[in-house]
Amino acid sequence: MMAAMKQTELRGELRLSEAMSSHTSWRVGGPADQWYKPADLDDLQVFLQQMNPQESIYWVGLGSNLLVRDGGIRGTVILPFGGLNTQANIGGNTLRLGAGVSCAKAARFCARADLVGAEFLAGIPGTIGGALAMNAGAFGGEIWPLVESVEMINSNAVLTRHDAESFDVSYRTVTGYRDDEWFVSADLKLQSGDGQAALKRSKQLLEQRGKTQPVSEPSCGSVFRNPETDHAARLIESCGLKGERIGGAQVSRMHANFIVNRGSASANDIESLITYVQKAVASETGIQLKTEVKIIGERL
């Protein structure tokens, strides 16, 4: 928990025992001991400066690509969405985007600045901060090839700026920074182009997503990483697992790399189905599927 603090010093929103089911795209998850939505970057610094240094901190954007277990989170959740919302053209075809900006909003901002190359961001159901942390991608594009530099904050509220080359980046993986450091913004370098055409392309990608993915049902997006020489969805479907169900969790009949909450799923249902799919695919094909989704928290 936080050290002794005058709550009036904070301008953001502080909640105790906050149900994470309200903040994850799967609509599951037990309570976080403490939850904070900073008003802006300055407010976030004040919050971190007054934290107990032993407190565990978790950053949650839009709660996609995340499974919070039913027992909840022993620690503090920080929600940058809406607070770290910088969107600025800083010159030379470079845009600065805050970690709390949704990827879809970022795609529109880039296009309206007549800068192209970020249209694929429209297909990522998360924030810029989350996309940076995992090198998120969609429709053949990934975010890190666009990154010129990033700004980070650590648990002591110290801000630092780093060139993109400071990090080791690969498929859905980014390393080169500590566990107590988090992305607060990124400078993306884009190409000049036809902004209206870019907006149209983003819209087309969203329409394509709607036709091929179960966007009307609660999910986390893709559950498993694609193996080097194959696709997770193809492997899962080839094992006859489409529609497989445990409790309220089901392998989507539309896209086999999605697990959907049919309305009554617990986090344990979802995690059990993930494990079941991994074991079945490994038994049938010899391939061990690795999760793309991050699993945190305690079991009941």
Protein backbone atom coordinates (compact mmCIF):
# COMPACT_ATOMS: atom_id res chain seq x y z
CA MET A 1 0.00 0.00 0.00
CA MET A 2 0.96 3.64 -0.18
CA ALA A 3 3.08 5.32 2.42
CA ALA A 4 1.41 7.96 4.58
CA MET A 5 -0.07 10.40 2.11
CA LYS A 6 -2.47 13.26 1.94
CA GLN A 7 -4.87 11.99 -0.69
CA THR A 8 -5.73 15.58 -1.66
CA GLU A 9 -2.26 15.91 -3.16
CA LEU A 10 -3.30 13.52 -5.91
CA ARG A 11 -5.37 14.67 -8.88
CA GLY A 12 -6.08 11.22 -10.26
CA GLU A 13 -8.53 8.56 -9.19
CA LEU A 14 -7.61 6.16 -6.37
CA ARG A 15 -9.66 3.04 -5.56
CA LEU A 16 -9.16 0.21 -3.10
CA SER A 17 -10.14 -3.42 -3.74
CA GLU A 18 -11.04 -2.61 -7.34
CA ALA A 19 -12.55 -5.46 -9.38
CA MET A 20 -10.27 -6.07 -12.35
CA SER A 21 -13.15 -7.65 -14.26
CA SER A 22 -14.16 -4.06 -15.02
CA HIS A 23 -10.76 -3.33 -16.57
CA THR A 24 -9.96 -6.39 -18.69
CA SER A 25 -11.29 -7.23 -22.12
CA TRP A 26 -12.10 -10.79 -21.00
CA ARG A 27 -14.32 -9.28 -18.27
CA VAL A 28 -12.80 -11.52 -15.59
CA GLY A 29 -10.39 -10.99 -12.71
CA GLY A 30 -10.47 -10.56 -8.95
CA PRO A 31 -9.81 -7.34 -7.02
CA ALA A 32 -6.60 -5.34 -7.02
CA ASP A 33 -5.56 -4.14 -3.57
CA GLN A 34 -5.12 -0.65 -4.98
CA TRP A 35 -5.90 0.95 -8.34
CA TYR A 36 -4.81 4.35 -9.57
CA LYS A 37 -5.65 6.31 -12.71
CA PRO A 38 -3.28 9.30 -12.86
CA ALA A 39 -4.49 12.64 -14.16
CA ASP A 40 -1.30 13.14 -16.16
CA LEU A 41 2.42 12.41 -16.07
CA ASP A 42 3.16 14.92 -13.29
CA ASP A 43 0.44 13.36 -11.15
CA LEU A 44 1.86 9.90 -11.82
CA GLN A 45 5.25 11.06 -10.55
CA VAL A 46 3.67 12.32 -7.32
CA PHE A 47 1.89 9.00 -6.88
CA LEU A 48 5.03 6.92 -7.42
CA GLN A 49 7.11 9.11 -5.13
CA GLN A 50 4.74 8.36 -2.28
CA MET A 51 4.45 4.62 -2.87
CA ASN A 52 5.87 2.06 -0.48
CA PRO A 53 9.08 0.95 -2.27
CA GLN A 54 8.20 -2.69 -1.52
CA GLU A 55 4.82 -2.44 -3.24
CA SER A 56 4.27 -4.53 -6.37
CA ILE A 57 3.14 -2.39 -9.30
CA TYR A 58 1.26 -3.54 -12.40
CA TRP A 59 0.46 -1.39 -15.43
CA VAL A 60 -2.81 -2.16 -17.21
CA GLY A 61 -3.82 -0.34 -20.38
CA LEU A 62 -7.12 -1.42 -21.92
CA GLY A 63 -6.80 -4.83 -20.29
CA SER A 64 -6.44 -6.68 -23.58
CA ASN A 65 -3.75 -9.34 -23.85
CA LEU A 66 -4.16 -9.82 -20.09
CA LEU A 67 -5.68 -12.47 -17.84
CA VAL A 68 -6.09 -11.49 -14.19
CA ARG A 69 -6.73 -14.53 -12.02
CA ASP A 70 -9.82 -14.79 -9.83
CA GLY A 71 -7.91 -14.16 -6.58
CA GLY A 72 -6.93 -10.71 -7.81
CA ILE A 73 -3.74 -8.71 -7.49
CA ARG A 74 -1.75 -8.15 -4.31
CA GLY A 75 -0.32 -4.77 -5.12
CA THR A 76 -1.13 -1.62 -7.04
CA VAL A 77 -2.51 -1.36 -10.57
CA ILE A 78 -1.75 1.81 -12.53
CA LEU A 79 -4.06 2.64 -15.41
CA PRO A 80 -2.43 5.10 -17.88
CA PHE A 81 -5.40 5.15 -20.27
CA GLY A 82 -6.88 8.63 -20.42
CA GLY A 83 -4.15 10.25 -18.33
CA LEU A 84 -0.97 9.69 -20.33
CA ASN A 85 -2.70 10.95 -23.45
CA THR A 86 -0.07 13.02 -25.26
CA GLN A 87 -0.58 13.32 -29.02
CA ALA A 88 1.80 15.81 -30.59
CA ASN A 89 3.63 16.41 -33.84
CA ILE A 90 7.17 17.28 -32.78
CA GLY A 91 8.45 17.88 -36.31
CA GLY A 92 10.28 15.97 -38.99
CA ASN A 93 7.45 13.46 -39.50
CA THR A 94 7.80 12.43 -35.84
CA LEU A 95 4.78 12.08 -33.55
CA ARG A 96 4.90 11.77 -29.77
CA LEU A 97 2.23 9.47 -28.36
CA GLY A 98 1.51 8.84 -24.69
CA ALA A 99 1.34 5.33 -23.27
CA GLY A 100 -2.34 5.76 -22.44
CA VAL A 101 -3.43 6.56 -26.02
CA SER A 102 -5.35 3.71 -27.62
CA CYS A 103 -3.71 2.22 -30.69
CA ALA A 104 -6.84 2.89 -32.75
CA LYS A 105 -6.80 6.57 -31.76
CA ALA A 106 -3.07 6.73 -32.54
CA ALA A 107 -3.69 5.36 -36.04
CA ARG A 108 -6.24 8.10 -36.70
CA PHE A 109 -3.95 10.81 -35.32
CA CYS A 110 -1.11 9.70 -37.59
CA ALA A 111 -3.33 9.67 -40.66
CA ARG A 112 -4.80 13.10 -39.90
CA ALA A 113 -1.24 14.43 -39.77
CA ASP A 114 -0.79 13.08 -43.33
CA LEU A 115 1.71 10.52 -42.05
CA VAL A 116 1.46 6.91 -43.18
CA GLY A 117 2.72 3.53 -42.04
CA ALA A 118 0.79 3.23 -38.79
CA GLU A 119 -2.55 2.14 -40.22
CA PHE A 120 -2.14 -1.36 -38.76
CA LEU A 121 -2.35 0.11 -35.26
CA ALA A 122 -6.11 0.35 -35.79
CA GLY A 123 -6.26 -3.43 -35.49
CA ILE A 124 -4.56 -3.60 -32.07
CA PRO A 125 -7.11 -3.47 -29.23
CA GLY A 126 -4.78 -1.91 -26.67
CA THR A 127 -2.75 1.17 -25.77
CA ILE A 128 0.57 2.47 -27.04
CA GLY A 129 2.21 1.52 -23.74
CA GLY A 130 1.05 -2.07 -23.98
CA ALA A 131 2.01 -2.25 -27.65
CA LEU A 132 5.53 -1.08 -26.80
CA ALA A 133 5.91 -3.60 -23.99
CA MET A 134 5.21 -6.58 -26.25
CA ASN A 135 6.00 -5.28 -29.75
CA ALA A 136 2.36 -5.66 -30.67
CA GLY A 137 1.40 -6.03 -34.28
CA ALA A 138 -1.47 -6.66 -36.66
CA PHE A 139 -1.96 -7.21 -40.39
CA GLY A 140 1.77 -7.63 -40.99
CA GLY A 141 2.90 -4.51 -39.11
CA GLU A 142 4.64 -4.15 -35.74
CA ILE A 143 5.09 -1.03 -33.65
CA TRP A 144 8.82 -1.08 -32.91
CA PRO A 145 10.03 -0.54 -36.51
CA LEU A 146 8.30 2.86 -36.24
CA VAL A 147 9.85 3.80 -32.87
CA GLU A 148 12.54 6.47 -32.82
CA SER A 149 12.77 6.83 -29.02
CA VAL A 150 10.76 6.22 -25.87
CA GLU A 151 10.37 7.88 -22.50
CA MET A 152 10.22 5.67 -19.42
CA ILE A 153 9.47 6.13 -15.74
CA ASN A 154 10.76 3.95 -12.91
CA SER A 155 9.37 3.12 -9.49
CA ASN A 156 11.24 6.12 -8.04
CA ALA A 157 9.36 8.41 -10.47
CA VAL A 158 12.52 9.20 -12.45
CA LEU A 159 11.98 9.87 -16.16
CA THR A 160 14.52 8.79 -18.78
CA ARG A 161 14.62 8.82 -22.58
CA HIS A 162 16.07 5.99 -24.65
CA ASP A 163 16.73 5.46 -28.35
CA ALA A 164 14.96 2.50 -29.94
CA GLU A 165 18.33 0.82 -30.46
CA SER A 166 18.68 0.50 -26.67
CA PHE A 167 16.19 -2.40 -26.67
CA ASP A 168 16.25 -5.94 -27.97
CA VAL A 169 13.10 -6.40 -30.01
CA SER A 170 11.71 -9.53 -31.62
CA TYR A 171 8.33 -11.11 -32.33
CA ARG A 172 6.03 -10.12 -29.43
CA THR A 173 9.05 -9.61 -27.17
CA VAL A 174 10.91 -6.54 -25.94
CA THR A 175 13.84 -6.71 -23.50
CA GLY A 176 16.54 -4.33 -22.33
CA TYR A 177 14.78 -2.63 -19.45
CA ARG A 178 14.07 -3.44 -15.80
CA ASP A 179 10.86 -4.75 -14.24
CA ASP A 180 10.45 -1.46 -12.35
CA GLU A 181 10.49 0.67 -15.52
CA TRP A 182 7.48 1.45 -17.69
CA PHE A 183 6.88 3.22 -21.01
CA VAL A 184 5.16 6.59 -20.73
CA SER A 185 5.48 7.79 -24.33
CA ALA A 186 7.01 6.98 -27.70
CA ASP A 187 8.25 9.06 -30.62
CA LEU A 188 7.19 7.39 -33.87
CA LYS A 189 8.93 8.24 -37.14
CA LEU A 190 6.59 7.95 -40.11
CA GLN A 191 6.48 8.79 -43.80
CA SER A 192 4.61 11.64 -45.43
CA GLY A 193 1.68 10.48 -47.45
CA ASP A 194 -2.02 10.62 -48.18
CA GLY A 195 -3.78 10.88 -44.83
CA GLN A 196 -7.25 10.26 -46.26
CA ALA A 197 -6.02 7.07 -47.92
CA ALA A 198 -4.46 6.02 -44.60
CA LEU A 199 -7.76 6.58 -42.78
CA LYS A 200 -9.52 4.52 -45.43
CA ARG A 201 -6.94 1.75 -45.06
CA SER A 202 -7.37 1.70 -41.27
CA LYS A 203 -11.14 1.44 -41.71
CA GLN A 204 -10.68 -1.45 -44.14
CA LEU A 205 -8.43 -3.26 -41.66
CA LEU A 206 -11.02 -2.83 -38.92
CA GLU A 207 -13.71 -4.22 -41.22
CA GLN A 208 -11.46 -7.16 -42.04
CA ARG A 209 -10.89 -7.74 -38.32
CA GLY A 210 -14.64 -7.75 -37.72
CA LYS A 211 -15.15 -10.41 -40.39
CA THR A 212 -12.41 -12.76 -39.15
CA GLN A 213 -12.29 -12.26 -35.37
CA PRO A 214 -14.97 -12.53 -32.65
CA VAL A 215 -14.94 -8.82 -31.81
CA SER A 216 -18.48 -8.91 -30.40
CA GLU A 217 -17.52 -11.32 -27.60
CA PRO A 218 -15.14 -10.69 -24.66
CA SER A 219 -11.66 -11.96 -25.49
CA CYS A 220 -8.02 -10.92 -25.13
CA GLY A 221 -7.18 -10.99 -28.81
CA SER A 222 -4.76 -13.72 -29.88
CA VAL A 223 -4.01 -16.11 -27.03
CA PHE A 224 -0.97 -17.88 -28.48
CA ARG A 225 2.09 -16.73 -30.38
CA ASN A 226 2.52 -18.07 -33.88
CA PRO A 227 5.29 -20.69 -34.12
CA GLU A 228 8.09 -19.76 -36.52
CA THR A 229 6.86 -21.91 -39.37
CA ASP A 230 3.12 -22.07 -38.74
CA HIS A 231 0.09 -20.32 -37.32
CA ALA A 232 -1.38 -21.06 -33.91
CA ALA A 233 -4.95 -20.82 -35.24
CA ARG A 234 -4.28 -23.41 -37.95
CA LEU A 235 -2.71 -25.82 -35.48
CA ILE A 236 -5.58 -25.46 -32.99
CA GLU A 237 -8.19 -25.92 -35.71
CA SER A 238 -6.35 -28.93 -37.15
CA CYS A 239 -6.64 -30.61 -33.74
CA GLY A 240 -10.42 -30.19 -33.80
CA LEU A 241 -10.45 -27.74 -30.91
CA LYS A 242 -12.71 -25.03 -32.34
CA GLY A 243 -15.70 -24.73 -30.03
CA GLU A 244 -13.98 -26.64 -27.20
CA ARG A 245 -15.31 -25.38 -23.90
CA ILE A 246 -14.49 -25.37 -20.20
CA GLY A 247 -17.11 -23.67 -18.06
CA GLY A 248 -17.92 -20.32 -19.63
CA ALA A 249 -14.73 -20.19 -21.71
CA GLN A 250 -14.73 -21.38 -25.32
CA VAL A 251 -12.29 -21.64 -28.20
CA SER A 252 -13.89 -19.32 -30.74
CA ARG A 253 -15.64 -20.96 -33.67
CA MET A 254 -14.71 -17.93 -35.77
CA HIS A 255 -10.97 -17.81 -35.04
CA ALA A 256 -9.24 -20.68 -33.25
CA ASN A 257 -6.55 -18.49 -31.65
CA PHE A 258 -9.22 -16.65 -29.67
CA ILE A 259 -10.79 -17.82 -26.43
CA VAL A 260 -14.06 -16.05 -25.68
CA ASN A 261 -16.02 -15.51 -22.51
CA ARG A 262 -19.53 -16.76 -23.24
CA GLY A 263 -20.80 -14.68 -20.35
CA SER A 264 -20.14 -16.82 -17.29
CA ALA A 265 -16.43 -17.62 -17.55
CA SER A 266 -14.07 -17.33 -14.62
CA ALA A 267 -10.39 -16.60 -15.07
CA ASN A 268 -9.77 -20.19 -13.98
CA ASP A 269 -12.02 -21.47 -16.79
CA ILE A 270 -9.98 -19.48 -19.30
CA GLU A 271 -6.60 -20.53 -17.90
CA SER A 272 -7.70 -24.17 -17.79
CA LEU A 273 -8.78 -23.99 -21.44
CA ILE A 274 -5.45 -22.41 -22.40
CA THR A 275 -3.62 -25.30 -20.75
CA TYR A 276 -5.94 -27.86 -22.35
CA VAL A 277 -5.30 -26.44 -25.83
CA GLN A 278 -1.53 -26.40 -25.27
CA LYS A 279 -1.52 -30.05 -24.18
CA ALA A 280 -3.78 -31.17 -27.02
CA VAL A 281 -1.73 -29.40 -29.71
CA ALA A 282 1.54 -30.70 -28.25
CA SER A 283 0.16 -34.25 -28.18
CA GLU A 284 -1.11 -34.08 -31.78
CA THR A 285 1.67 -32.08 -33.44
CA GLY A 286 4.65 -32.01 -31.11
CA ILE A 287 4.53 -28.21 -31.09
CA GLN A 288 4.35 -26.41 -27.74
CA LEU A 289 2.26 -23.27 -28.15
CA LYS A 290 3.51 -20.30 -26.14
CA THR A 291 1.06 -17.79 -24.77
CA GLU A 292 0.93 -14.26 -26.08
CA VAL A 293 -1.44 -13.26 -23.29
CA LYS A 294 0.09 -12.25 -19.95
CA ILE A 295 -1.31 -13.99 -16.86
CA ILE A 296 -1.05 -12.24 -13.49
CA GLY A 297 -2.59 -12.39 -10.04
CA GLU A 298 -3.50 -15.10 -7.57
CA ARG A 299 -5.77 -18.10 -7.92
CA LEU A 300 -8.70 -18.53 -5.57
